[in-house]
Amino acid sequence: MRSAVDPTEALLARFPKTRPPLPPRIAEIYARQYAENRAGETTAASLSQRLERWMHRQVAADATPAKATLELGAGNLNQLPFEPDGGAYDVVEPFAELFEGSPRLARVRQVYADVAEVPGNARYDRITSVACLEHICDLPVALARSATLLAPGGVFRAAIPSEGGLLWKLGWSLTTGLEFRLRHGLDYGLLMAHEHVNEAREIEALVRALFAEVTVRSFGIGRQLSLYRFIEARGPRQEVAEAWLRRFAA
């Protein structure tokens, strides 16, 4: 008789993931494409940013100046306009060129290149993320580290694209993907495969394994027919977080 496979163990075995390499022609324009996308400089990117406001608003809904926040993958600091002024706001972002020179940087208390750099005795009322978790090759480590940094009663709030879902793929294929092919004659799906190494269902499953209380909302109808998901998690299982950190440090 075959023994049942632990789904969490099977999921953890996929990590750390390896990012598929970009074809040379896409690699040549990658940095410019990324900057244009984040700044909303093209028609498709501008439309995407308007839709992404749903994610930003969901994450910011509980924010007050009294709550200390750590944002994972802050990018060009585009979450800050949705957050209240004042209070401690730290960010994790490895690509400094995304926020260098931004006037929003004045609102940030501390910048870290990696969540591993955050002091172990730091504690946050909120740890947030917008359109970041799908990019992280060692996602269990980032999530586990976040769990250890939450203050008692703290909350993890993340918004992600519904990567792996039907509507999400259809959405980018007919907007950014089509625009990319018309402008460059290249397959945007190859860039997406390089960027989005984690599907939404994988992210949600890891969060559920790590936290006792998890709620999920979709921008759409259910999982498959949605563009984005918002995940709120409380009650970090510290023993699980510590086990994941030990496992992936080995």
Protein backbone atom coordinates (compact mmCIF):
# COMPACT_ATOMS: atom_id res chain seq x y z
CA MET A 1 0.00 0.00 0.00
CA ARG A 2 1.42 3.35 -1.03
CA SER A 3 1.82 5.92 1.73
CA ALA A 4 0.15 9.30 1.31
CA VAL A 5 2.41 12.14 0.19
CA ASP A 6 2.42 15.22 2.41
CA PRO A 7 1.37 18.04 0.02
CA THR A 8 3.39 20.65 1.91
CA GLU A 9 6.49 18.47 1.77
CA ALA A 10 5.97 17.92 -1.95
CA LEU A 11 5.65 21.68 -2.43
CA LEU A 12 8.75 22.49 -0.37
CA ALA A 13 10.74 19.98 -2.46
CA ARG A 14 10.33 22.32 -5.46
CA PHE A 15 12.41 25.01 -3.76
CA PRO A 16 14.68 26.80 -4.23
CA LYS A 17 13.56 27.27 -7.80
CA THR A 18 15.77 28.11 -10.75
CA ARG A 19 14.77 31.04 -12.91
CA PRO A 20 14.58 30.12 -16.62
CA PRO A 21 17.17 32.12 -18.59
CA LEU A 22 16.01 34.85 -20.92
CA PRO A 23 16.67 34.51 -24.65
CA PRO A 24 19.44 36.97 -25.69
CA ARG A 25 17.13 39.33 -27.57
CA ILE A 26 14.80 39.69 -24.58
CA ALA A 27 17.75 40.00 -22.18
CA GLU A 28 18.98 43.00 -24.20
CA ILE A 29 15.79 44.97 -23.56
CA TYR A 30 14.88 43.46 -20.18
CA ALA A 31 15.95 46.39 -17.98
CA ARG A 32 14.16 48.94 -20.15
CA GLN A 33 11.02 46.82 -20.35
CA TYR A 34 10.96 46.37 -16.56
CA ALA A 35 11.37 50.11 -15.94
CA GLU A 36 8.65 50.99 -18.47
CA ASN A 37 6.29 48.48 -16.92
CA ARG A 38 6.79 49.76 -13.37
CA ALA A 39 6.46 53.38 -14.45
CA GLY A 40 3.35 52.73 -16.56
CA GLU A 41 4.99 54.30 -19.60
CA THR A 42 3.17 52.27 -22.27
CA THR A 43 -0.56 51.90 -22.92
CA ALA A 44 -0.68 48.32 -21.62
CA ALA A 45 1.49 49.11 -18.60
CA SER A 46 -0.71 52.09 -17.73
CA LEU A 47 -3.81 49.88 -17.89
CA SER A 48 -2.12 47.28 -15.70
CA GLN A 49 -1.26 49.88 -13.10
CA ARG A 50 -4.86 51.06 -12.92
CA LEU A 51 -6.03 47.49 -12.33
CA GLU A 52 -3.25 46.89 -9.80
CA ARG A 53 -4.68 49.60 -7.57
CA TRP A 54 -6.99 46.89 -6.23
CA MET A 55 -3.95 45.08 -4.83
CA HIS A 56 -2.48 48.23 -3.32
CA ARG A 57 -5.75 49.17 -1.64
CA GLN A 58 -6.30 45.71 -0.19
CA VAL A 59 -2.85 45.68 1.38
CA ALA A 60 -3.19 49.20 2.79
CA ALA A 61 -6.71 48.77 4.19
CA ASP A 62 -5.54 48.15 7.76
CA ALA A 63 -2.70 50.67 7.82
CA THR A 64 -2.38 53.35 10.50
CA PRO A 65 0.61 55.51 11.48
CA ALA A 66 0.81 53.61 14.76
CA LYS A 67 1.66 50.33 13.02
CA ALA A 68 5.25 49.49 12.11
CA THR A 69 5.42 48.07 8.59
CA LEU A 70 7.94 46.07 6.58
CA GLU A 71 7.25 45.82 2.86
CA LEU A 72 8.80 42.99 0.86
CA GLY A 73 9.78 43.80 -2.71
CA ALA A 74 9.00 47.51 -2.55
CA GLY A 75 10.19 48.18 -6.10
CA ASN A 76 9.79 51.87 -6.97
CA LEU A 77 7.90 52.47 -3.70
CA ASN A 78 4.52 52.57 -5.46
CA GLN A 79 2.72 51.21 -2.40
CA LEU A 80 3.53 54.31 -0.34
CA PRO A 81 0.86 56.59 -1.90
CA PHE A 82 -1.74 54.15 -0.52
CA GLU A 83 -0.24 54.12 2.99
CA PRO A 84 -0.83 56.82 5.65
CA ASP A 85 1.96 59.28 6.39
CA GLY A 86 3.94 58.79 9.58
CA GLY A 87 4.94 55.69 11.43
CA ALA A 88 7.83 53.32 10.90
CA TYR A 89 8.01 52.03 7.32
CA ASP A 90 10.90 49.77 6.29
CA VAL A 91 11.33 48.11 2.91
CA VAL A 92 13.14 45.17 1.35
CA GLU A 93 14.24 45.73 -2.25
CA PRO A 94 17.39 44.32 -3.86
CA PHE A 95 17.33 46.61 -6.90
CA ALA A 96 18.25 50.05 -5.60
CA GLU A 97 17.98 51.58 -9.07
CA LEU A 98 14.20 51.21 -8.83
CA PHE A 99 13.86 53.69 -5.98
CA GLU A 100 17.03 55.80 -6.10
CA GLY A 101 16.12 59.46 -6.45
CA SER A 102 12.46 58.88 -5.61
CA PRO A 103 10.87 61.58 -3.43
CA ARG A 104 8.99 58.75 -1.69
CA LEU A 105 12.25 57.51 -0.21
CA ALA A 106 12.00 60.23 2.46
CA ARG A 107 9.11 58.29 3.99
CA VAL A 108 11.18 55.12 4.37
CA ARG A 109 12.98 54.54 7.65
CA GLN A 110 15.27 51.71 6.54
CA VAL A 111 16.05 49.92 3.27
CA TYR A 112 17.26 46.31 3.19
CA ALA A 113 18.48 44.44 0.12
CA ASP A 114 17.23 41.12 1.52
CA VAL A 115 14.83 40.12 4.29
CA ALA A 116 17.75 38.20 5.84
CA GLU A 117 19.37 41.59 6.57
CA VAL A 118 16.53 42.68 8.87
CA PRO A 119 17.77 42.45 12.49
CA GLY A 120 16.48 39.37 14.25
CA ASN A 121 15.10 41.42 17.13
CA ALA A 122 13.05 43.71 14.85
CA ARG A 123 9.28 43.32 15.11
CA TYR A 124 6.57 44.61 12.79
CA ASP A 125 2.83 44.96 13.18
CA ARG A 126 2.43 44.50 9.44
CA ILE A 127 4.55 42.73 6.86
CA THR A 128 3.25 43.45 3.38
CA SER A 129 3.93 42.62 -0.22
CA VAL A 130 2.40 43.68 -3.54
CA ALA A 131 3.14 41.69 -6.72
CA CYS A 132 6.38 40.33 -5.30
CA LEU A 133 5.98 36.79 -3.94
CA GLU A 134 5.55 35.29 -7.40
CA HIS A 135 9.13 36.38 -8.21
CA ILE A 136 11.01 34.84 -5.25
CA CYS A 137 12.96 31.65 -6.00
CA ASP A 138 13.48 30.85 -2.30
CA LEU A 139 9.96 31.79 -1.27
CA PRO A 140 9.70 29.47 1.79
CA VAL A 141 12.72 31.24 3.31
CA ALA A 142 11.28 34.72 2.72
CA LEU A 143 7.92 33.72 4.18
CA ALA A 144 9.47 31.96 7.19
CA ARG A 145 11.72 34.90 7.92
CA SER A 146 8.72 37.22 7.72
CA ALA A 147 6.83 35.03 10.20
CA THR A 148 9.64 35.38 12.74
CA LEU A 149 9.60 39.19 12.38
CA LEU A 150 5.91 39.70 13.15
CA ALA A 151 5.04 41.30 16.46
CA PRO A 152 2.43 39.57 18.67
CA GLY A 153 -0.91 40.11 16.96
CA GLY A 154 0.84 41.13 13.76
CA VAL A 155 -0.47 40.40 10.27
CA PHE A 156 1.02 39.34 6.95
CA ARG A 157 -0.77 40.99 4.01
CA ALA A 158 0.14 40.11 0.44
CA ALA A 159 -1.42 40.79 -2.95
CA ILE A 160 -0.37 38.68 -5.91
CA PRO A 161 -1.37 38.12 -9.53
CA SER A 162 -3.41 34.98 -10.08
CA GLU A 163 -0.48 33.33 -11.83
CA GLY A 164 -1.46 29.91 -13.14
CA GLY A 165 -5.10 30.93 -13.59
CA LEU A 166 -6.99 31.16 -16.86
CA LEU A 167 -8.10 34.80 -16.63
CA TRP A 168 -4.66 36.04 -15.55
CA LYS A 169 -2.96 34.45 -18.56
CA LEU A 170 -5.64 35.68 -20.92
CA GLY A 171 -5.37 39.16 -19.42
CA TRP A 172 -1.64 39.65 -19.92
CA SER A 173 -1.63 37.84 -23.27
CA LEU A 174 -4.13 40.30 -24.76
CA THR A 175 -2.57 43.44 -23.26
CA THR A 176 1.10 43.55 -22.29
CA GLY A 177 1.91 40.39 -24.23
CA LEU A 178 0.31 41.65 -27.44
CA GLU A 179 1.92 45.08 -27.08
CA PHE A 180 5.33 43.46 -26.48
CA ARG A 181 5.02 41.32 -29.61
CA LEU A 182 3.93 44.28 -31.74
CA ARG A 183 6.79 46.47 -30.45
CA HIS A 184 9.59 43.91 -30.40
CA GLY A 185 8.42 40.84 -32.29
CA LEU A 186 9.16 38.71 -29.23
CA ASP A 187 7.25 36.29 -26.99
CA TYR A 188 6.30 37.97 -23.70
CA GLY A 189 5.51 34.55 -22.25
CA LEU A 190 9.24 33.82 -22.07
CA LEU A 191 9.76 36.93 -19.97
CA MET A 192 6.83 36.00 -17.74
CA ALA A 193 8.25 32.51 -17.20
CA HIS A 194 11.54 34.12 -16.16
CA GLU A 195 9.85 36.54 -13.77
CA HIS A 196 6.94 34.58 -12.28
CA VAL A 197 8.53 31.44 -10.90
CA ASN A 198 5.70 30.79 -8.41
CA GLU A 199 2.03 30.22 -9.12
CA ALA A 200 -0.68 31.74 -6.93
CA ARG A 201 -1.77 28.32 -5.66
CA GLU A 202 1.78 27.58 -4.49
CA ILE A 203 2.03 30.88 -2.66
CA GLU A 204 -1.32 30.41 -0.98
CA ALA A 205 -0.45 26.84 0.07
CA LEU A 206 2.83 27.94 1.67
CA VAL A 207 1.12 30.74 3.57
CA ARG A 208 -1.56 28.34 4.83
CA ALA A 209 1.11 25.93 6.06
CA LEU A 210 2.92 28.72 7.89
CA PHE A 211 0.01 30.60 9.49
CA ALA A 212 -2.93 29.46 11.60
CA GLU A 213 -5.46 31.97 10.23
CA VAL A 214 -5.56 32.73 6.52
CA THR A 215 -8.20 34.51 4.46
CA VAL A 216 -8.12 35.02 0.70
CA ARG A 217 -10.03 37.42 -1.53
CA SER A 218 -10.01 37.42 -5.33
CA PHE A 219 -10.36 40.23 -7.85
CA GLY A 220 -12.67 38.24 -10.08
CA ILE A 221 -14.75 35.08 -9.73
CA GLY A 222 -12.98 32.39 -7.76
CA ARG A 223 -9.42 31.26 -8.31
CA GLN A 224 -9.30 30.59 -12.06
CA LEU A 225 -11.37 33.56 -13.18
CA SER A 226 -9.50 36.25 -11.27
CA LEU A 227 -6.70 38.67 -12.01
CA TYR A 228 -5.37 39.08 -8.47
CA ARG A 229 -5.57 37.59 -5.00
CA PHE A 230 -5.22 39.19 -1.60
CA ILE A 231 -3.94 37.02 1.25
CA GLU A 232 -4.20 38.00 4.92
CA ALA A 233 -2.49 35.74 7.44
CA ARG A 234 -2.25 35.76 11.23
CA GLY A 235 -0.91 33.47 13.91
CA PRO A 236 2.49 32.47 12.53
CA ARG A 237 3.50 28.92 13.40
CA GLN A 238 6.96 29.71 14.70
CA GLU A 239 8.03 26.06 14.86
CA VAL A 240 7.20 25.68 11.16
CA ALA A 241 9.06 28.88 10.29
CA GLU A 242 12.14 27.78 12.20
CA ALA A 243 12.04 24.33 10.57
CA TRP A 244 11.90 25.88 7.10
CA LEU A 245 14.80 28.21 7.88
CA ARG A 246 16.91 25.31 9.13
CA ARG A 247 15.99 23.19 6.13
CA PHE A 248 16.96 25.72 3.51
CA ALA A 249 20.05 26.93 5.36
CA ALA A 250 21.53 23.44 5.11
